[in-house]
Amino acid sequence: MEVESANCKYRVSQCEDLELLSVERPLKIDLEINGLESLILELHRVFSRDHVNIQDVQKLMTAYESQPKDWRRYAKFDRFRYTRNLVDAGNGAFNIMILCWGPGHASAIHDHADSHCFMKVLSGRLEEVRYRWPENVQPEVMKKFNTRSCCSANGSPTSTLSDSGQCQNDSCQNFRGKTDAPELCRHDGSEEYDASEMEESGRTSLEVNDVCYINDALGLHRMENPSHVDGAVSMHLYCPPFDSCRTFDARTGKPTDIKVTFWSMYGKKIKRVIEANDIIESQE
């Protein structure tokens, strides 16, 4: 994969080729990360470059082996909901947080605001459930790709998108609603909304030290702790950071804009919920 084709310092829609925005398997890990602090330092070094390949970030996240002594002070649980706890703000290029999941806790179905999302399980077990985008709800990556080539029946770029993000090619229209359609060919760019149940596209059980990657071109997801007894802890890296995203009603597919917030910062619980953009603005 060319570095320029998947630059984590920019939004997904700014990458050269959406088809390259997935992590290749098997991923060869040829480095060792000794501790969470070393991981953070290495991430700062990598993100100081002009281009940051998603494979490089995935390798770093995978090379670190979870040690509770590294992250215990960031792990703040709440009995009623999962919590998002800021570990490092990444100088605005990325951020790292620890999420704590009580028994049975789950997120809503959500997008990632045109950013790259990496997740690593540190303790317990989590399940990732992926969904296709609802009909007539287009991802931001589609809106911003109005000058890029659209897909054809054989996967070759043959036409452009309109200003509304609608594909101008009949062959792309032929894919509409089909399970084998490329993800971005499943949306017509319409602003109208028709209620329909969300379509699940896959489930993955994630154990300790497993790492996964997702972006809006790959679909939507929700995370859940399947255990009704034990808690779970995960580490998330978002690049670039974002302060809002969309959640989706599983029964109707209806989207809702929400602000993303922090339960704690740098190991200290805060008196009020801090919005993500508060951290970014404080570094400008």
Protein backbone atom coordinates (compact mmCIF):
# COMPACT_ATOMS: atom_id res chain seq x y z
CA MET A 1 0.00 0.00 0.00
CA GLU A 2 1.33 3.41 -0.95
CA VAL A 3 1.71 5.78 1.99
CA GLU A 4 -0.06 8.56 0.07
CA SER A 5 -3.07 6.32 -0.52
CA ALA A 6 -4.03 6.02 3.14
CA ASN A 7 -2.85 9.01 5.11
CA CYS A 8 -4.14 8.90 8.68
CA LYS A 9 -3.38 12.58 9.18
CA TYR A 10 -6.22 13.44 6.84
CA ARG A 11 -9.88 12.55 6.63
CA VAL A 12 -10.82 9.33 4.89
CA SER A 13 -12.35 11.27 1.99
CA GLN A 14 -8.98 12.89 1.31
CA CYS A 15 -7.22 9.57 0.72
CA GLU A 16 -6.31 8.76 -2.88
CA ASP A 17 -7.97 5.34 -3.18
CA LEU A 18 -10.83 4.16 -0.97
CA GLU A 19 -10.29 0.54 -1.98
CA LEU A 20 -6.91 0.60 -0.21
CA LEU A 21 -8.41 1.76 3.08
CA SER A 22 -8.40 -1.60 4.81
CA VAL A 23 -5.74 -3.46 6.74
CA GLU A 24 -4.02 -6.22 4.82
CA ARG A 25 -3.84 -9.68 6.38
CA PRO A 26 -1.70 -11.28 7.60
CA LEU A 27 0.05 -8.25 9.07
CA LYS A 28 3.75 -8.86 9.75
CA ILE A 29 4.78 -7.33 13.09
CA ASP A 30 8.53 -6.61 13.03
CA LEU A 31 8.82 -4.33 16.06
CA GLU A 32 8.36 -4.48 19.82
CA ILE A 33 6.62 -1.94 22.04
CA ASN A 34 7.48 -2.12 25.74
CA GLY A 35 4.65 -0.43 27.59
CA LEU A 36 1.90 2.08 26.92
CA GLU A 37 4.20 5.09 27.32
CA SER A 38 6.52 3.69 24.66
CA LEU A 39 3.54 3.17 22.35
CA ILE A 40 2.43 6.77 22.80
CA LEU A 41 5.94 8.11 22.17
CA GLU A 42 6.23 6.01 19.01
CA LEU A 43 2.83 7.20 17.80
CA HIS A 44 3.90 10.82 18.29
CA ARG A 45 7.04 10.08 16.27
CA VAL A 46 5.07 8.45 13.45
CA PHE A 47 2.47 11.24 13.35
CA SER A 48 5.20 13.85 13.06
CA ARG A 49 5.60 12.71 9.44
CA ASP A 50 3.70 14.24 6.55
CA HIS A 51 2.13 10.88 5.65
CA VAL A 52 1.03 8.17 8.05
CA ASN A 53 0.04 4.80 6.60
CA ILE A 54 -2.77 2.93 8.35
CA GLN A 55 -0.59 -0.19 8.25
CA ASP A 56 2.05 1.57 10.35
CA VAL A 57 -0.48 2.55 13.00
CA GLN A 58 -1.99 -0.94 13.00
CA LYS A 59 1.46 -2.48 13.53
CA LEU A 60 2.16 -0.22 16.50
CA MET A 61 -1.20 -0.97 18.10
CA THR A 62 -0.67 -4.70 17.58
CA ALA A 63 2.95 -4.72 18.82
CA TYR A 64 1.91 -3.39 22.23
CA GLU A 65 0.82 -6.20 24.56
CA SER A 66 -1.69 -5.15 27.19
CA GLN A 67 -0.40 -4.79 30.74
CA PRO A 68 -2.97 -3.59 33.32
CA LYS A 69 -0.26 -1.66 35.19
CA ASP A 70 0.10 0.54 32.09
CA TRP A 71 -3.52 1.61 31.75
CA ARG A 72 -5.19 0.93 35.11
CA ARG A 73 -5.10 4.58 36.17
CA TYR A 74 -7.06 5.56 33.05
CA ALA A 75 -9.75 2.90 33.48
CA LYS A 76 -12.78 4.66 34.96
CA PHE A 77 -15.98 2.59 35.04
CA ASP A 78 -19.56 3.72 35.43
CA ARG A 79 -22.28 1.28 36.46
CA PHE A 80 -24.81 2.67 33.98
CA ARG A 81 -22.83 3.24 30.75
CA TYR A 82 -19.49 2.73 29.09
CA THR A 83 -16.97 5.55 29.57
CA ARG A 84 -14.49 7.33 27.29
CA ASN A 85 -11.28 8.33 29.09
CA LEU A 86 -8.70 10.51 27.36
CA VAL A 87 -5.10 9.27 27.59
CA ASP A 88 -3.28 11.48 25.07
CA ALA A 89 -4.47 14.27 22.77
CA GLY A 90 -1.81 13.64 20.14
CA ASN A 91 -1.17 17.34 19.44
CA GLY A 92 -4.40 17.41 17.48
CA ALA A 93 -3.24 14.86 14.87
CA PHE A 94 -4.76 11.91 16.74
CA ASN A 95 -6.04 11.02 20.17
CA ILE A 96 -5.91 7.93 22.34
CA MET A 97 -8.52 6.95 24.88
CA ILE A 98 -9.38 4.06 27.14
CA LEU A 99 -12.99 2.88 27.00
CA CYS A 100 -14.41 0.92 29.92
CA TRP A 101 -17.35 -1.40 29.40
CA GLY A 102 -19.35 -2.71 32.34
CA PRO A 103 -21.18 -6.03 32.02
CA GLY A 104 -23.61 -5.85 29.11
CA HIS A 105 -22.63 -2.31 28.12
CA ALA A 106 -22.78 -1.45 24.41
CA SER A 107 -22.41 1.55 22.15
CA ALA A 108 -25.02 2.74 19.70
CA ILE A 109 -24.51 2.05 16.00
CA HIS A 110 -22.30 4.93 14.88
CA ASP A 111 -20.09 6.37 12.17
CA HIS A 112 -16.60 7.82 12.61
CA ALA A 113 -17.00 11.32 11.19
CA ASP A 114 -14.75 10.69 8.17
CA SER A 115 -11.82 9.68 10.44
CA HIS A 116 -9.78 6.52 10.88
CA CYS A 117 -10.58 4.35 13.92
CA PHE A 118 -8.29 1.75 15.50
CA MET A 119 -9.33 -0.32 18.53
CA LYS A 120 -7.42 -2.78 20.71
CA VAL A 121 -8.91 -4.94 23.47
CA LEU A 122 -6.94 -4.58 26.70
CA SER A 123 -9.06 -6.68 29.05
CA GLY A 124 -12.10 -8.95 28.75
CA ARG A 125 -13.84 -9.53 25.43
CA LEU A 126 -15.79 -7.31 23.05
CA GLU A 127 -17.92 -7.97 20.02
CA GLU A 128 -17.91 -5.72 16.98
CA VAL A 129 -21.11 -5.70 14.94
CA ARG A 130 -20.85 -4.02 11.53
CA TYR A 131 -23.73 -2.56 9.53
CA ARG A 132 -24.29 -1.27 6.05
CA TRP A 133 -25.18 2.38 5.66
CA PRO A 134 -28.97 2.92 5.66
CA GLU A 135 -30.58 3.64 2.33
CA ASN A 136 -30.70 7.39 1.57
CA VAL A 137 -28.21 8.25 4.31
CA GLN A 138 -24.86 9.03 2.72
CA PRO A 139 -21.55 9.02 4.60
CA GLU A 140 -19.51 12.20 4.77
CA VAL A 141 -16.85 10.48 2.69
CA MET A 142 -19.40 10.24 -0.14
CA LYS A 143 -20.35 13.90 0.09
CA LYS A 144 -16.74 15.03 -0.07
CA PHE A 145 -15.90 12.79 -2.97
CA ASN A 146 -17.99 14.83 -5.41
CA THR A 147 -14.99 15.32 -7.68
CA ARG A 148 -13.72 11.74 -7.47
CA SER A 149 -14.47 8.87 -9.81
CA CYS A 150 -17.45 6.67 -9.11
CA CYS A 151 -17.53 2.89 -9.35
CA SER A 152 -18.72 0.84 -12.31
CA ALA A 153 -19.97 -2.70 -12.58
CA ASN A 154 -16.43 -4.04 -13.01
CA GLY A 155 -14.99 -1.82 -10.28
CA SER A 156 -13.29 0.61 -12.69
CA PRO A 157 -13.71 4.39 -12.30
CA THR A 158 -15.93 5.58 -15.13
CA SER A 159 -17.84 8.63 -13.99
CA THR A 160 -18.05 11.39 -11.42
CA LEU A 161 -20.30 12.26 -8.53
CA SER A 162 -22.68 15.17 -8.52
CA ASP A 163 -22.38 18.00 -6.00
CA SER A 164 -24.93 16.17 -3.87
CA GLY A 165 -22.75 13.05 -3.82
CA GLN A 166 -25.01 11.10 -6.21
CA CYS A 167 -23.39 8.65 -8.60
CA GLN A 168 -23.85 9.68 -12.24
CA ASN A 169 -23.26 6.20 -13.66
CA ASP A 170 -25.98 3.68 -14.60
CA SER A 171 -23.75 0.71 -13.73
CA CYS A 172 -23.29 2.06 -10.21
CA GLN A 173 -27.04 2.46 -9.98
CA ASN A 174 -27.39 -1.21 -10.89
CA PHE A 175 -25.58 -2.10 -7.68
CA ARG A 176 -28.04 -0.15 -5.51
CA GLY A 177 -29.34 -2.24 -2.63
CA LYS A 178 -27.39 -5.39 -3.55
CA THR A 179 -25.30 -7.18 -0.93
CA ASP A 180 -22.29 -7.47 -3.25
CA ALA A 181 -22.22 -3.77 -4.08
CA PRO A 182 -19.15 -1.72 -3.15
CA GLU A 183 -20.01 0.13 0.08
CA LEU A 184 -20.03 3.60 -1.49
CA CYS A 185 -22.22 2.42 -4.38
CA ARG A 186 -25.07 1.61 -2.01
CA HIS A 187 -26.14 5.22 -1.53
CA ASP A 188 -27.84 7.51 -3.98
CA GLY A 189 -26.98 10.80 -2.29
CA SER A 190 -30.64 11.64 -1.65
CA GLU A 191 -31.48 13.74 1.37
CA GLU A 192 -34.84 12.02 1.72
CA TYR A 193 -35.20 9.48 4.51
CA ASP A 194 -37.08 6.18 4.42
CA ALA A 195 -37.28 4.15 7.64
CA SER A 196 -35.96 0.60 7.40
CA GLU A 197 -34.20 -1.79 9.76
CA MET A 198 -30.40 -1.60 9.78
CA GLU A 199 -28.71 -4.38 7.81
CA GLU A 200 -26.00 -6.24 9.71
CA SER A 201 -22.93 -7.08 7.59
CA GLY A 202 -20.76 -9.05 10.03
CA ARG A 203 -19.75 -9.86 13.60
CA THR A 204 -16.28 -10.26 15.06
CA SER A 205 -15.39 -11.44 18.56
CA LEU A 206 -12.33 -9.59 19.85
CA GLU A 207 -10.12 -11.05 22.58
CA VAL A 208 -7.31 -9.42 24.59
CA ASN A 209 -4.68 -7.83 22.29
CA ASP A 210 -6.83 -8.14 19.17
CA VAL A 211 -6.86 -4.98 17.02
CA CYS A 212 -9.48 -3.86 14.49
CA TYR A 213 -9.77 -0.93 12.09
CA ILE A 214 -12.80 0.79 10.56
CA ASN A 215 -13.68 3.92 8.63
CA ASP A 216 -16.88 5.24 7.08
CA ALA A 217 -16.06 3.77 3.67
CA LEU A 218 -16.11 0.31 5.30
CA GLY A 219 -19.47 0.83 6.99
CA LEU A 220 -20.89 1.48 10.46
CA HIS A 221 -20.47 -0.48 13.67
CA ARG A 222 -21.35 -0.83 17.32
CA MET A 223 -19.31 -2.37 20.11
CA GLU A 224 -20.68 -4.43 22.98
CA ASN A 225 -19.46 -6.32 26.01
CA PRO A 226 -21.19 -9.71 25.66
CA SER A 227 -20.45 -10.70 29.26
CA HIS A 228 -23.13 -10.10 31.90
CA VAL A 229 -20.56 -10.67 34.67
CA ASP A 230 -17.18 -9.24 33.68
CA GLY A 231 -16.12 -5.81 32.52
CA ALA A 232 -13.94 -5.08 29.50
CA VAL A 233 -11.39 -2.40 28.62
CA SER A 234 -10.34 -1.23 25.16
CA MET A 235 -7.93 1.35 23.73
CA HIS A 236 -9.06 3.51 20.82
CA LEU A 237 -7.07 5.72 18.50
CA TYR A 238 -8.84 8.22 16.24
CA CYS A 239 -7.06 10.16 13.53
CA PRO A 240 -7.82 12.93 13.03
CA PRO A 241 -9.78 13.46 16.29
CA PHE A 242 -13.44 14.43 15.98
CA ASP A 243 -15.89 16.12 18.32
CA SER A 244 -19.16 14.78 16.92
CA CYS A 245 -20.49 11.81 14.99
CA ARG A 246 -23.78 10.22 14.02
CA THR A 247 -25.62 7.40 15.78
CA PHE A 248 -28.27 5.29 14.05
CA ASP A 249 -31.51 3.73 15.24
CA ALA A 250 -31.22 -0.03 14.66
CA ARG A 251 -34.94 -0.35 13.88
CA THR A 252 -35.30 2.56 11.48
CA GLY A 253 -31.79 3.61 10.41
CA LYS A 254 -32.56 7.18 11.41
CA PRO A 255 -29.35 9.15 12.13
CA THR A 256 -28.82 11.51 15.06
CA ASP A 257 -25.93 13.96 15.44
CA ILE A 258 -24.22 13.71 18.84
CA LYS A 259 -21.30 15.33 20.62
CA VAL A 260 -18.60 12.94 21.80
CA THR A 261 -17.45 13.46 25.37
CA PHE A 262 -14.79 12.38 27.88
CA TRP A 263 -15.53 10.84 31.26
CA SER A 264 -11.98 11.48 32.50
CA MET A 265 -8.80 13.12 31.26
CA TYR A 266 -5.26 11.89 31.86
CA GLY A 267 -6.36 9.58 34.66
CA LYS A 268 -8.47 12.12 36.56
CA LYS A 269 -12.25 12.07 36.66
CA ILE A 270 -13.70 15.42 35.69
CA LYS A 271 -16.52 17.32 37.36
CA ARG A 272 -18.28 17.95 34.07
CA VAL A 273 -18.33 15.97 30.86
CA ILE A 274 -15.68 17.39 28.54
CA GLU A 275 -16.37 17.56 24.82
CA ALA A 276 -13.63 16.41 22.47
CA ASN A 277 -13.30 19.79 20.76
CA ASP A 278 -12.48 21.42 24.13
CA ILE A 279 -9.21 19.46 24.15
CA ILE A 280 -8.32 20.26 20.56
CA GLU A 281 -9.04 23.96 20.93
CA SER A 282 -6.89 24.15 24.07
CA GLN A 283 -3.88 23.06 21.99
CA GLU A 284 -4.29 25.58 19.19
